[in-house]
Amino acid sequence: MKSLSDTSQWSRKARFTLVEVMLVMAFTGVALTAALGLITATMWGEKYIRHRYTAHTIATNRIEQLRSFPYSEITVMAESNTPVDAQGKLDANGEFQRSTVIGSEFRSTRQVTVNVSSTWKESLPPQTVSVVTIIADGTVMNPNE
């Protein structure tokens, strides 16, 4: 049979001291702070990538829209800092600004540049995505054919 002194001696060994508890809490706090910083950075990175992807989609859709437009009238599609929404539709309160630059004609072709910019974080300058292509007059036949 165990004596009372054996039981109290065993329970004293199994207890944590206040210093040990404080150290564990400090290590846990440091780990949680680091994890919170990582989560915050990941969220900002996701927002940045989402805005760049959306801007690229808006620019690509605008290029496709220009390709379907009659070549002889393509110059009327030029625009500068037009506010658009995430689908590329005109919106006075849109979070994206789209500019379409139609270059001068050269051998029945025109260089077209679409720039889409967005401010994804207030403290940073706007990020701009540019898509450049050449649109040719489809009615001109190649003389070598």
Protein backbone atom coordinates (compact mmCIF):
# COMPACT_ATOMS: atom_id res chain seq x y z
CA MET A 1 0.00 0.00 0.00
CA LYS A 2 1.28 3.48 -0.90
CA SER A 3 1.77 6.01 1.77
CA LEU A 4 0.38 9.54 1.59
CA SER A 5 3.85 10.95 1.17
CA ASP A 6 4.45 8.82 -1.98
CA THR A 7 1.28 10.16 -3.62
CA SER A 8 2.07 13.79 -2.94
CA GLN A 9 5.64 13.31 -4.13
CA TRP A 10 4.41 11.81 -7.45
CA SER A 11 1.87 14.60 -8.05
CA ARG A 12 4.53 17.26 -7.43
CA LYS A 13 6.65 15.75 -10.22
CA ALA A 14 3.73 15.68 -12.67
CA ARG A 15 2.84 19.34 -12.22
CA PHE A 16 4.08 22.10 -14.50
CA THR A 17 5.80 25.06 -12.97
CA LEU A 18 4.60 28.57 -13.69
CA VAL A 19 7.78 29.23 -15.67
CA GLU A 20 7.13 26.23 -17.94
CA VAL A 21 3.55 27.34 -18.57
CA MET A 22 4.71 30.88 -19.38
CA LEU A 23 7.33 29.57 -21.82
CA VAL A 24 4.78 27.41 -23.64
CA MET A 25 2.40 30.36 -23.87
CA ALA A 26 5.16 32.60 -25.24
CA PHE A 27 6.16 30.05 -27.88
CA THR A 28 2.50 29.58 -28.83
CA GLY A 29 2.06 33.35 -29.15
CA VAL A 30 5.09 33.66 -31.40
CA ALA A 31 3.88 30.79 -33.59
CA LEU A 32 0.36 32.25 -33.89
CA THR A 33 1.76 35.69 -34.74
CA ALA A 34 3.90 34.18 -37.50
CA ALA A 35 0.92 32.22 -38.82
CA LEU A 36 -1.23 35.36 -38.83
CA GLY A 37 1.44 37.23 -40.82
CA LEU A 38 1.56 34.39 -43.33
CA ILE A 39 -2.22 34.35 -43.69
CA THR A 40 -2.31 38.13 -44.20
CA ALA A 41 0.42 38.00 -46.86
CA THR A 42 -1.39 35.16 -48.62
CA MET A 43 -4.65 37.13 -48.68
CA TRP A 44 -2.93 40.22 -50.19
CA GLY A 45 -1.16 38.02 -52.73
CA GLU A 46 -4.44 36.39 -53.72
CA LYS A 47 -6.08 39.77 -54.18
CA TYR A 48 -3.15 40.98 -56.31
CA ILE A 49 -3.24 37.87 -58.54
CA ARG A 50 -7.04 38.07 -58.86
CA HIS A 51 -6.86 41.72 -59.98
CA ARG A 52 -4.09 40.99 -62.52
CA TYR A 53 -5.99 38.00 -63.89
CA THR A 54 -9.20 40.03 -64.17
CA ALA A 55 -7.33 42.90 -65.86
CA HIS A 56 -5.77 40.47 -68.35
CA THR A 57 -9.20 38.96 -69.09
CA ILE A 58 -10.69 42.43 -69.66
CA ALA A 59 -7.83 43.33 -72.04
CA THR A 60 -8.08 40.03 -73.95
CA ASN A 61 -11.85 40.37 -74.31
CA ARG A 62 -11.38 43.90 -75.66
CA ILE A 63 -8.91 42.59 -78.26
CA GLU A 64 -11.45 39.97 -79.34
CA GLN A 65 -14.13 42.65 -79.54
CA LEU A 66 -11.85 44.74 -81.79
CA ARG A 67 -11.13 41.77 -84.05
CA SER A 68 -14.84 41.30 -84.68
CA PHE A 69 -15.28 45.01 -85.51
CA PRO A 70 -15.04 46.14 -89.17
CA TYR A 71 -11.41 47.01 -89.89
CA SER A 72 -12.31 50.24 -91.71
CA GLU A 73 -14.02 51.58 -88.56
CA ILE A 74 -11.63 50.25 -85.92
CA THR A 75 -10.22 53.69 -85.08
CA VAL A 76 -13.50 54.73 -83.42
CA MET A 77 -12.84 52.07 -80.75
CA ALA A 78 -9.90 54.02 -79.26
CA GLU A 79 -10.44 55.05 -75.64
CA SER A 80 -8.48 56.49 -72.76
CA ASN A 81 -8.88 55.56 -69.07
CA THR A 82 -12.45 54.36 -69.46
CA PRO A 83 -13.81 53.01 -66.15
CA VAL A 84 -15.06 49.43 -66.50
CA ASP A 85 -16.26 46.73 -64.14
CA ALA A 86 -14.74 43.27 -63.69
CA GLN A 87 -16.53 42.05 -66.86
CA GLY A 88 -15.15 44.92 -68.95
CA LYS A 89 -18.52 46.68 -69.22
CA LEU A 90 -18.63 50.47 -68.98
CA ASP A 91 -19.24 51.49 -65.38
CA ALA A 92 -18.65 54.98 -63.99
CA ASN A 93 -17.77 53.39 -60.63
CA GLY A 94 -15.72 50.54 -62.13
CA GLU A 95 -12.57 49.52 -60.30
CA PHE A 96 -10.63 49.05 -63.57
CA GLN A 97 -9.54 51.66 -66.13
CA ARG A 98 -9.16 50.53 -69.74
CA SER A 99 -7.31 52.33 -72.53
CA THR A 100 -7.31 51.17 -76.14
CA VAL A 101 -4.62 52.58 -78.45
CA ILE A 102 -5.08 52.00 -82.18
CA GLY A 103 -1.81 52.46 -84.04
CA SER A 104 -1.47 54.02 -87.48
CA GLU A 105 -2.09 51.82 -90.52
CA PHE A 106 0.85 50.02 -92.09
CA ARG A 107 0.27 47.67 -95.04
CA SER A 108 -3.37 47.08 -94.12
CA THR A 109 -2.56 46.28 -90.50
CA ARG A 110 -2.77 48.16 -87.24
CA GLN A 111 -1.09 47.53 -83.92
CA VAL A 112 -3.60 47.59 -81.09
CA THR A 113 -2.62 47.97 -77.43
CA VAL A 114 -5.10 47.53 -74.61
CA ASN A 115 -4.00 48.66 -71.14
CA VAL A 116 -6.06 47.82 -68.08
CA SER A 117 -5.08 49.24 -64.71
CA SER A 118 -6.42 48.78 -61.22
CA THR A 119 -5.53 49.85 -57.71
CA TRP A 120 -5.63 46.64 -55.71
CA LYS A 121 -4.13 48.18 -52.57
CA GLU A 122 -4.65 51.82 -51.65
CA SER A 123 -1.06 52.42 -50.55
CA LEU A 124 0.41 51.20 -53.86
CA PRO A 125 0.32 52.72 -57.35
CA PRO A 126 -2.10 51.17 -59.88
CA GLN A 127 -0.95 47.97 -61.55
CA THR A 128 -1.29 47.87 -65.35
CA VAL A 129 -1.67 44.89 -67.64
CA SER A 130 -0.99 45.43 -71.36
CA VAL A 131 -2.03 43.22 -74.25
CA VAL A 132 -0.67 44.02 -77.71
CA THR A 133 -1.73 42.51 -81.02
CA ILE A 134 -1.82 43.28 -84.72
CA ILE A 135 -5.15 43.39 -86.51
CA ALA A 136 -5.16 43.01 -90.28
CA ASP A 137 -7.71 44.06 -92.86
CA GLY A 138 -9.33 40.77 -93.80
CA THR A 139 -10.58 42.14 -97.13
CA VAL A 140 -7.07 42.64 -98.53
CA MET A 141 -5.91 39.60 -100.45
CA ASN A 142 -2.29 38.45 -100.44
CA PRO A 143 -0.88 39.09 -103.96
CA ASN A 144 1.32 35.98 -103.66
CA GLU A 145 -1.64 33.60 -103.41
